[in-house]
Amino acid sequence: MNTLILVRRVALLLSVLVLLGPPVRAVVREGAAPSALTLVPMADNSKGHTTHTITIIYNAAANPQWSYTISPENDAKNARVKRHDTIVWKCDGGNWTVFFKGATPLADSSGAELARVSGAAGDSAGGQVDGKVKKGDVFTYGVSLLLPGASEPVIDDPRIVIEK
């Protein structure tokens, strides 16, 4: 393949990822062809802490009705995060609230406990995982979603697990 065409394709791929996706870096593994790029999520700051974006999806006609995605990829119903990482939730389905049942692992920018975050459809909100939480701690939270035209919210109960 012509090297110029290969370089153009790689440049196009990287520019699209920069515009559409979470921060990534392209890595060519040792011994692999230059066209065999592996995309690796990048930490959000120089200290290596990551922002985890959890997308909440509710579909009344589906079974199960609740689903979650997380970026970088992880188990969104049992999200594994580290101290000082940031967790951000978003939902396009309606006005939403995430509330912790008991202790919260999150702190706001001033260091105060952050027991709940909320947003309108399409908004995102979250906080930083407090440095005081311990490895292995598990935090159960609820998700309350008020669908357009509904008078009562629907609720689910995912978890956050703190890793080393």
N, C-alpha and C. Protein backbone atom coordinates (compact mmCIF):
# COMPACT_ATOMS: atom_id res chain seq x y z
N MET A 1 0.85 -1.17 0.00
CA MET A 1 0.00 0.00 0.00
C MET A 1 0.89 1.23 0.00
N ASN A 2 0.50 2.23 -0.73
CA ASN A 2 1.24 3.46 -0.82
C ASN A 2 1.35 4.09 0.58
N THR A 3 2.55 4.49 0.99
CA THR A 3 2.77 5.06 2.31
C THR A 3 1.97 6.34 2.52
N LEU A 4 1.84 7.16 1.50
CA LEU A 4 1.07 8.40 1.61
C LEU A 4 -0.39 8.11 1.92
N ILE A 5 -0.96 7.10 1.30
CA ILE A 5 -2.36 6.73 1.56
C ILE A 5 -2.50 6.23 2.99
N LEU A 6 -1.54 5.42 3.45
CA LEU A 6 -1.56 4.91 4.82
C LEU A 6 -1.51 6.06 5.82
N VAL A 7 -0.62 7.00 5.61
CA VAL A 7 -0.48 8.15 6.51
C VAL A 7 -1.78 8.96 6.52
N ARG A 8 -2.42 9.17 5.38
CA ARG A 8 -3.68 9.91 5.32
C ARG A 8 -4.78 9.18 6.10
N ARG A 9 -4.85 7.85 5.96
CA ARG A 9 -5.87 7.08 6.68
C ARG A 9 -5.68 7.15 8.19
N VAL A 10 -4.44 7.03 8.63
CA VAL A 10 -4.15 7.11 10.06
C VAL A 10 -4.49 8.52 10.57
N ALA A 11 -4.12 9.54 9.85
CA ALA A 11 -4.42 10.92 10.25
C ALA A 11 -5.93 11.15 10.32
N LEU A 12 -6.67 10.62 9.37
CA LEU A 12 -8.13 10.76 9.38
C LEU A 12 -8.72 10.04 10.58
N LEU A 13 -8.27 8.83 10.86
CA LEU A 13 -8.75 8.07 12.01
C LEU A 13 -8.51 8.82 13.30
N LEU A 14 -7.32 9.32 13.50
CA LEU A 14 -6.99 10.04 14.72
C LEU A 14 -7.78 11.34 14.86
N SER A 15 -7.99 12.06 13.77
CA SER A 15 -8.75 13.31 13.85
C SER A 15 -10.21 13.04 14.20
N VAL A 16 -10.79 11.97 13.66
CA VAL A 16 -12.17 11.62 14.00
C VAL A 16 -12.27 11.23 15.46
N LEU A 17 -11.32 10.46 15.97
CA LEU A 17 -11.34 10.06 17.37
C LEU A 17 -11.20 11.25 18.30
N VAL A 18 -10.39 12.21 17.94
CA VAL A 18 -10.23 13.41 18.76
C VAL A 18 -11.55 14.17 18.82
N LEU A 19 -12.26 14.26 17.71
CA LEU A 19 -13.51 15.00 17.68
C LEU A 19 -14.67 14.28 18.35
N LEU A 20 -14.74 12.95 18.27
CA LEU A 20 -15.91 12.21 18.71
C LEU A 20 -15.75 11.42 19.99
N GLY A 21 -14.58 11.00 20.31
CA GLY A 21 -14.46 10.04 21.40
C GLY A 21 -13.76 10.59 22.61
N PRO A 22 -13.65 9.72 23.65
CA PRO A 22 -12.90 10.10 24.83
C PRO A 22 -11.42 10.20 24.47
N PRO A 23 -10.63 10.86 25.31
CA PRO A 23 -9.21 10.98 25.00
C PRO A 23 -8.57 9.61 24.84
N VAL A 24 -7.86 9.43 23.74
CA VAL A 24 -7.15 8.18 23.48
C VAL A 24 -5.79 8.50 22.91
N ARG A 25 -4.89 7.52 22.98
CA ARG A 25 -3.63 7.68 22.27
C ARG A 25 -3.48 6.45 21.40
N ALA A 26 -2.89 6.65 20.25
CA ALA A 26 -2.67 5.54 19.32
C ALA A 26 -1.31 4.94 19.61
N VAL A 27 -1.29 3.62 19.76
CA VAL A 27 -0.06 2.92 20.09
C VAL A 27 0.16 1.84 19.04
N VAL A 28 1.36 1.76 18.51
CA VAL A 28 1.73 0.67 17.62
C VAL A 28 2.50 -0.33 18.48
N ARG A 29 1.95 -1.53 18.64
CA ARG A 29 2.59 -2.55 19.46
C ARG A 29 3.88 -3.02 18.80
N GLU A 30 4.86 -3.37 19.63
CA GLU A 30 6.15 -3.82 19.12
C GLU A 30 5.97 -5.01 18.18
N GLY A 31 6.59 -4.95 17.03
CA GLY A 31 6.52 -6.02 16.05
C GLY A 31 5.32 -5.95 15.14
N ALA A 32 4.40 -5.02 15.40
CA ALA A 32 3.20 -4.91 14.57
C ALA A 32 3.47 -3.98 13.40
N ALA A 33 2.69 -4.14 12.36
CA ALA A 33 2.81 -3.25 11.21
C ALA A 33 2.38 -1.84 11.62
N PRO A 34 2.94 -0.78 11.01
CA PRO A 34 2.58 0.58 11.37
C PRO A 34 1.09 0.87 11.22
N SER A 35 0.39 0.10 10.42
CA SER A 35 -1.04 0.34 10.24
C SER A 35 -1.86 -0.34 11.33
N ALA A 36 -1.25 -1.16 12.20
CA ALA A 36 -1.96 -1.88 13.25
C ALA A 36 -1.96 -1.04 14.53
N LEU A 37 -2.79 -0.03 14.59
CA LEU A 37 -2.86 0.84 15.74
C LEU A 37 -3.76 0.26 16.81
N THR A 38 -3.38 0.42 18.06
CA THR A 38 -4.23 0.08 19.19
C THR A 38 -4.56 1.38 19.88
N LEU A 39 -5.84 1.60 20.17
CA LEU A 39 -6.26 2.83 20.83
C LEU A 39 -6.35 2.57 22.32
N VAL A 40 -5.66 3.37 23.12
CA VAL A 40 -5.58 3.20 24.56
C VAL A 40 -6.16 4.43 25.22
N PRO A 41 -7.15 4.28 26.16
CA PRO A 41 -7.68 5.45 26.85
C PRO A 41 -6.57 6.17 27.60
N MET A 42 -6.59 7.48 27.53
CA MET A 42 -5.60 8.28 28.22
C MET A 42 -6.15 8.75 29.55
N ALA A 43 -5.29 8.91 30.52
CA ALA A 43 -5.69 9.52 31.78
C ALA A 43 -6.01 10.98 31.50
N ASP A 44 -6.84 11.56 32.34
CA ASP A 44 -7.30 12.91 32.11
C ASP A 44 -6.34 13.98 32.59
N ASN A 45 -5.37 13.62 33.40
CA ASN A 45 -4.44 14.63 33.85
C ASN A 45 -3.06 14.00 34.04
N SER A 46 -2.11 14.83 34.39
CA SER A 46 -0.73 14.37 34.49
C SER A 46 -0.52 13.42 35.66
N LYS A 47 -1.45 13.35 36.60
CA LYS A 47 -1.30 12.45 37.74
C LYS A 47 -1.88 11.07 37.47
N GLY A 48 -2.42 10.83 36.27
CA GLY A 48 -2.90 9.51 35.90
C GLY A 48 -4.31 9.19 36.34
N HIS A 49 -5.09 10.18 36.73
CA HIS A 49 -6.47 9.94 37.15
C HIS A 49 -7.39 10.00 35.95
N THR A 50 -8.37 9.14 35.94
CA THR A 50 -9.25 8.96 34.79
C THR A 50 -10.63 9.52 35.05
N THR A 51 -11.27 10.02 34.01
CA THR A 51 -12.68 10.38 34.09
C THR A 51 -13.49 9.23 33.52
N HIS A 52 -14.40 8.69 34.33
CA HIS A 52 -15.28 7.60 33.93
C HIS A 52 -16.64 8.21 33.62
N THR A 53 -17.10 8.06 32.39
CA THR A 53 -18.41 8.59 32.01
C THR A 53 -19.39 7.43 31.93
N ILE A 54 -20.41 7.47 32.79
CA ILE A 54 -21.43 6.43 32.83
C ILE A 54 -22.68 6.98 32.14
N THR A 55 -23.11 6.30 31.08
CA THR A 55 -24.32 6.70 30.36
C THR A 55 -25.46 5.81 30.83
N ILE A 56 -26.54 6.45 31.25
CA ILE A 56 -27.73 5.77 31.77
C ILE A 56 -28.72 5.63 30.63
N ILE A 57 -29.22 4.40 30.42
CA ILE A 57 -30.19 4.15 29.35
C ILE A 57 -31.37 3.40 29.94
N TYR A 58 -32.57 3.92 29.71
CA TYR A 58 -33.78 3.25 30.17
C TYR A 58 -34.71 3.05 28.98
N ASN A 59 -35.22 1.82 28.83
CA ASN A 59 -36.15 1.50 27.76
C ASN A 59 -37.24 0.62 28.37
N ALA A 60 -38.44 1.18 28.55
CA ALA A 60 -39.53 0.47 29.21
C ALA A 60 -39.91 -0.81 28.47
N ALA A 61 -39.69 -0.87 27.17
CA ALA A 61 -40.09 -2.04 26.37
C ALA A 61 -39.02 -3.13 26.36
N ALA A 62 -37.82 -2.84 26.85
CA ALA A 62 -36.71 -3.80 26.81
C ALA A 62 -36.71 -4.69 28.05
N ASN A 63 -35.97 -5.79 27.98
CA ASN A 63 -35.78 -6.63 29.14
C ASN A 63 -34.30 -7.00 29.21
N PRO A 64 -33.51 -6.46 30.11
CA PRO A 64 -33.89 -5.58 31.20
C PRO A 64 -34.15 -4.15 30.71
N GLN A 65 -34.88 -3.40 31.51
CA GLN A 65 -35.24 -2.03 31.12
C GLN A 65 -34.06 -1.07 31.26
N TRP A 66 -33.20 -1.32 32.21
CA TRP A 66 -32.05 -0.44 32.46
C TRP A 66 -30.80 -1.02 31.80
N SER A 67 -30.01 -0.16 31.22
CA SER A 67 -28.68 -0.54 30.76
C SER A 67 -27.75 0.65 30.95
N TYR A 68 -26.48 0.36 31.04
CA TYR A 68 -25.47 1.38 31.30
C TYR A 68 -24.27 1.10 30.42
N THR A 69 -23.61 2.16 30.00
CA THR A 69 -22.32 2.02 29.36
C THR A 69 -21.35 2.89 30.14
N ILE A 70 -20.08 2.54 30.08
CA ILE A 70 -19.07 3.32 30.78
C ILE A 70 -17.86 3.46 29.89
N SER A 71 -17.27 4.63 29.92
CA SER A 71 -16.07 4.91 29.16
C SER A 71 -15.05 5.53 30.10
N PRO A 72 -13.82 4.99 30.18
CA PRO A 72 -13.32 3.84 29.47
C PRO A 72 -14.08 2.58 29.90
N GLU A 73 -14.04 1.57 29.02
CA GLU A 73 -14.84 0.38 29.21
C GLU A 73 -14.58 -0.28 30.56
N ASN A 74 -15.67 -0.71 31.20
CA ASN A 74 -15.66 -1.23 32.55
C ASN A 74 -17.03 -1.88 32.74
N ASP A 75 -17.34 -2.42 33.90
CA ASP A 75 -18.67 -2.94 34.20
C ASP A 75 -19.49 -1.79 34.77
N ALA A 76 -20.36 -1.20 33.98
CA ALA A 76 -21.07 0.02 34.39
C ALA A 76 -22.00 -0.20 35.57
N LYS A 77 -22.54 -1.41 35.77
CA LYS A 77 -23.42 -1.67 36.93
C LYS A 77 -22.60 -1.88 38.20
N ASN A 78 -21.32 -2.19 38.07
CA ASN A 78 -20.40 -2.34 39.20
C ASN A 78 -19.10 -1.63 38.83
N ALA A 79 -19.19 -0.33 38.61
CA ALA A 79 -18.07 0.45 38.10
C ALA A 79 -16.87 0.37 39.04
N ARG A 80 -15.71 0.07 38.48
CA ARG A 80 -14.48 -0.01 39.24
C ARG A 80 -13.66 1.24 38.94
N VAL A 81 -13.42 2.02 40.00
CA VAL A 81 -12.71 3.29 39.87
C VAL A 81 -11.62 3.37 40.94
N LYS A 82 -10.79 4.38 40.85
CA LYS A 82 -9.71 4.58 41.82
C LYS A 82 -9.90 5.92 42.52
N ARG A 83 -9.23 6.04 43.66
CA ARG A 83 -9.26 7.33 44.37
C ARG A 83 -8.76 8.43 43.44
N HIS A 84 -9.38 9.56 43.52
CA HIS A 84 -9.06 10.77 42.76
C HIS A 84 -9.50 10.70 41.29
N ASP A 85 -10.08 9.58 40.84
CA ASP A 85 -10.70 9.55 39.52
C ASP A 85 -11.95 10.43 39.56
N THR A 86 -12.47 10.76 38.41
CA THR A 86 -13.72 11.52 38.31
C THR A 86 -14.77 10.61 37.72
N ILE A 87 -16.00 10.68 38.26
CA ILE A 87 -17.12 9.94 37.71
C ILE A 87 -18.15 10.95 37.24
N VAL A 88 -18.58 10.80 36.00
CA VAL A 88 -19.59 11.68 35.41
C VAL A 88 -20.70 10.81 34.86
N TRP A 89 -21.95 11.15 35.16
CA TRP A 89 -23.10 10.45 34.61
C TRP A 89 -23.78 11.33 33.58
N LYS A 90 -24.46 10.68 32.62
CA LYS A 90 -25.28 11.42 31.67
C LYS A 90 -26.42 10.53 31.23
N CYS A 91 -27.51 11.16 30.80
CA CYS A 91 -28.68 10.43 30.36
C CYS A 91 -29.46 11.30 29.39
N ASP A 92 -29.83 10.73 28.26
CA ASP A 92 -30.62 11.46 27.26
C ASP A 92 -32.12 11.22 27.41
N GLY A 93 -32.53 10.29 28.30
CA GLY A 93 -33.92 9.86 28.38
C GLY A 93 -34.85 10.75 29.17
N GLY A 94 -34.33 11.70 29.92
CA GLY A 94 -35.18 12.57 30.74
C GLY A 94 -34.36 13.18 31.86
N ASN A 95 -35.02 13.90 32.76
CA ASN A 95 -34.34 14.49 33.91
C ASN A 95 -33.91 13.37 34.85
N TRP A 96 -32.68 13.39 35.30
CA TRP A 96 -32.13 12.28 36.06
C TRP A 96 -31.43 12.77 37.32
N THR A 97 -31.36 11.87 38.31
CA THR A 97 -30.62 12.12 39.54
C THR A 97 -29.91 10.84 39.94
N VAL A 98 -28.67 10.96 40.35
CA VAL A 98 -27.91 9.86 40.95
C VAL A 98 -27.75 10.24 42.42
N PHE A 99 -28.16 9.33 43.32
CA PHE A 99 -28.09 9.61 44.75
C PHE A 99 -27.50 8.41 45.47
N PHE A 100 -26.59 8.67 46.40
CA PHE A 100 -25.94 7.59 47.13
C PHE A 100 -26.78 7.18 48.32
N LYS A 101 -26.86 5.87 48.54
CA LYS A 101 -27.63 5.29 49.63
C LYS A 101 -26.64 5.03 50.77
N GLY A 102 -26.52 5.97 51.66
CA GLY A 102 -25.50 5.88 52.71
C GLY A 102 -24.32 6.75 52.32
N ALA A 103 -23.12 6.25 52.60
CA ALA A 103 -21.90 7.02 52.34
C ALA A 103 -21.72 7.25 50.84
N THR A 104 -21.04 8.32 50.51
CA THR A 104 -20.73 8.65 49.13
C THR A 104 -19.22 8.62 48.92
N PRO A 105 -18.76 8.15 47.77
CA PRO A 105 -17.32 8.20 47.49
C PRO A 105 -16.91 9.53 46.86
N LEU A 106 -17.88 10.37 46.52
CA LEU A 106 -17.59 11.57 45.74
C LEU A 106 -17.44 12.82 46.60
N ALA A 107 -16.63 13.73 46.10
CA ALA A 107 -16.47 15.04 46.70
C ALA A 107 -16.57 16.09 45.60
N ASP A 108 -17.06 17.27 45.96
CA ASP A 108 -17.12 18.35 44.98
C ASP A 108 -15.76 19.04 44.92
N SER A 109 -15.65 20.10 44.14
CA SER A 109 -14.35 20.77 43.94
C SER A 109 -13.79 21.38 45.21
N SER A 110 -14.65 21.65 46.22
CA SER A 110 -14.16 22.20 47.49
C SER A 110 -13.80 21.12 48.50
N GLY A 111 -14.05 19.83 48.14
CA GLY A 111 -13.75 18.73 49.04
C GLY A 111 -14.93 18.28 49.87
N ALA A 112 -16.08 18.95 49.75
CA ALA A 112 -17.28 18.57 50.50
C ALA A 112 -17.90 17.31 49.89
N GLU A 113 -18.52 16.47 50.75
CA GLU A 113 -19.17 15.26 50.26
C GLU A 113 -20.23 15.61 49.22
N LEU A 114 -20.31 14.80 48.20
CA LEU A 114 -21.28 14.99 47.11
C LEU A 114 -22.20 13.77 47.12
N ALA A 115 -23.36 13.91 47.75
CA ALA A 115 -24.28 12.78 47.95
C ALA A 115 -25.21 12.57 46.77
N ARG A 116 -25.37 13.58 45.91
CA ARG A 116 -26.24 13.42 44.74
C ARG A 116 -25.79 14.37 43.63
N VAL A 117 -26.02 13.94 42.40
CA VAL A 117 -25.80 14.78 41.22
C VAL A 117 -27.01 14.60 40.32
N SER A 118 -27.32 15.61 39.54
CA SER A 118 -28.49 15.50 38.67
C SER A 118 -28.31 16.37 37.44
N GLY A 119 -29.17 16.12 36.46
CA GLY A 119 -29.13 16.90 35.24
C GLY A 119 -30.41 16.71 34.44
N ALA A 120 -30.59 17.59 33.50
CA ALA A 120 -31.70 17.47 32.56
C ALA A 120 -31.29 16.48 31.47
N ALA A 121 -32.22 16.07 30.65
CA ALA A 121 -31.93 15.14 29.56
C ALA A 121 -30.76 15.69 28.73
N GLY A 122 -29.75 14.88 28.52
CA GLY A 122 -28.59 15.27 27.72
C GLY A 122 -27.47 15.91 28.52
N ASP A 123 -27.74 16.32 29.76
CA ASP A 123 -26.71 16.94 30.59
C ASP A 123 -25.84 15.87 31.24
N SER A 124 -24.65 16.27 31.66
CA SER A 124 -23.78 15.38 32.42
C SER A 124 -23.35 16.10 33.70
N ALA A 125 -23.13 15.32 34.76
CA ALA A 125 -22.70 15.87 36.04
C ALA A 125 -22.01 14.76 36.82
N GLY A 126 -21.15 15.15 37.76
CA GLY A 126 -20.45 14.16 38.57
C GLY A 126 -19.53 14.81 39.55
N GLY A 127 -18.54 14.05 40.02
CA GLY A 127 -17.59 14.56 40.99
C GLY A 127 -16.36 13.67 41.05
N GLN A 128 -15.42 14.05 41.90
CA GLN A 128 -14.16 13.32 42.04
C GLN A 128 -14.28 12.31 43.18
N VAL A 129 -13.69 11.11 42.98
CA VAL A 129 -13.66 10.09 44.02
C VAL A 129 -12.71 10.59 45.11
N ASP A 130 -13.22 10.67 46.34
CA ASP A 130 -12.47 11.19 47.47
C ASP A 130 -11.24 10.32 47.74
N GLY A 131 -10.14 10.93 48.11
CA GLY A 131 -8.92 10.21 48.43
C GLY A 131 -9.00 9.45 49.74
N LYS A 132 -10.06 9.68 50.54
CA LYS A 132 -10.20 9.01 51.84
C LYS A 132 -10.88 7.65 51.75
N VAL A 133 -11.49 7.33 50.61
CA VAL A 133 -12.15 6.03 50.50
C VAL A 133 -11.09 4.93 50.49
N LYS A 134 -11.49 3.73 50.87
CA LYS A 134 -10.53 2.62 50.97
C LYS A 134 -10.72 1.64 49.82
N LYS A 135 -9.62 1.00 49.43
CA LYS A 135 -9.68 -0.05 48.41
C LYS A 135 -10.66 -1.12 48.87
N GLY A 136 -11.54 -1.53 47.97
CA GLY A 136 -12.53 -2.54 48.28
C GLY A 136 -13.86 -1.99 48.75
N ASP A 137 -13.91 -0.70 49.11
CA ASP A 137 -15.18 -0.09 49.49
C ASP A 137 -16.16 -0.22 48.33
N VAL A 138 -17.43 -0.44 48.67
CA VAL A 138 -18.49 -0.54 47.66
C VAL A 138 -19.55 0.48 48.04
N PHE A 139 -19.99 1.25 47.06
CA PHE A 139 -20.99 2.29 47.27
C PHE A 139 -22.19 2.01 46.37
N THR A 140 -23.35 1.86 46.99
CA THR A 140 -24.58 1.64 46.24
C THR A 140 -25.24 2.99 46.03
N TYR A 141 -25.67 3.20 44.80
CA TYR A 141 -26.37 4.45 44.51
C TYR A 141 -27.64 4.14 43.74
N GLY A 142 -28.53 5.07 43.77
CA GLY A 142 -29.76 4.93 43.02
C GLY A 142 -29.75 5.87 41.83
N VAL A 143 -30.46 5.48 40.81
CA VAL A 143 -30.66 6.34 39.64
C VAL A 143 -32.15 6.58 39.55
N SER A 144 -32.54 7.82 39.56
CA SER A 144 -33.93 8.20 39.42
C SER A 144 -34.08 8.95 38.10
N LEU A 145 -34.98 8.47 37.25
CA LEU A 145 -35.16 9.06 35.92
C LEU A 145 -36.61 9.45 35.74
N LEU A 146 -36.85 10.72 35.49
CA LEU A 146 -38.20 11.21 35.22
C LEU A 146 -38.35 11.33 33.71
N LEU A 147 -39.11 10.39 33.16
CA LEU A 147 -39.31 10.36 31.71
C LEU A 147 -40.22 11.51 31.28
N PRO A 148 -40.06 12.01 30.06
CA PRO A 148 -40.93 13.09 29.57
C PRO A 148 -42.40 12.67 29.66
N GLY A 149 -43.22 13.52 30.24
CA GLY A 149 -44.65 13.26 30.36
C GLY A 149 -45.03 12.41 31.55
N ALA A 150 -44.06 11.88 32.30
CA ALA A 150 -44.35 11.03 33.46
C ALA A 150 -44.47 11.88 34.71
N SER A 151 -45.24 11.39 35.69
CA SER A 151 -45.36 12.11 36.95
C SER A 151 -44.52 11.47 38.05
N GLU A 152 -44.14 10.19 37.87
CA GLU A 152 -43.31 9.48 38.84
C GLU A 152 -42.04 8.98 38.16
N PRO A 153 -40.89 9.06 38.87
CA PRO A 153 -39.64 8.57 38.26
C PRO A 153 -39.54 7.05 38.30
N VAL A 154 -38.68 6.50 37.47
CA VAL A 154 -38.28 5.09 37.53
C VAL A 154 -36.92 5.06 38.21
N ILE A 155 -36.63 3.96 38.96
CA ILE A 155 -35.42 3.93 39.79
C ILE A 155 -34.67 2.62 39.60
N ASP A 156 -33.32 2.70 39.66
CA ASP A 156 -32.45 1.52 39.59
C ASP A 156 -31.34 1.68 40.63
N ASP A 157 -30.56 0.58 40.88
CA ASP A 157 -29.56 0.57 41.95
C ASP A 157 -28.20 -0.01 41.54
N PRO A 158 -27.38 0.69 40.76
CA PRO A 158 -26.03 0.20 40.43
C PRO A 158 -25.06 0.43 41.61
N ARG A 159 -23.77 0.06 41.43
CA ARG A 159 -22.76 0.20 42.49
C ARG A 159 -21.45 0.76 41.93
N ILE A 160 -20.64 1.27 42.85
CA ILE A 160 -19.27 1.72 42.54
C ILE A 160 -18.35 0.97 43.47
N VAL A 161 -17.25 0.37 42.95
CA VAL A 161 -16.28 -0.37 43.72
C VAL A 161 -14.94 0.36 43.60
N ILE A 162 -14.28 0.60 44.73
CA ILE A 162 -13.00 1.31 44.74
C ILE A 162 -11.87 0.31 44.59
N GLU A 163 -11.00 0.54 43.60
CA GLU A 163 -9.81 -0.30 43.38
C GLU A 163 -8.60 0.40 43.94
N LYS A 164 -7.49 -0.32 43.96
CA LYS A 164 -6.22 0.24 44.46
C LYS A 164 -5.83 1.45 43.67
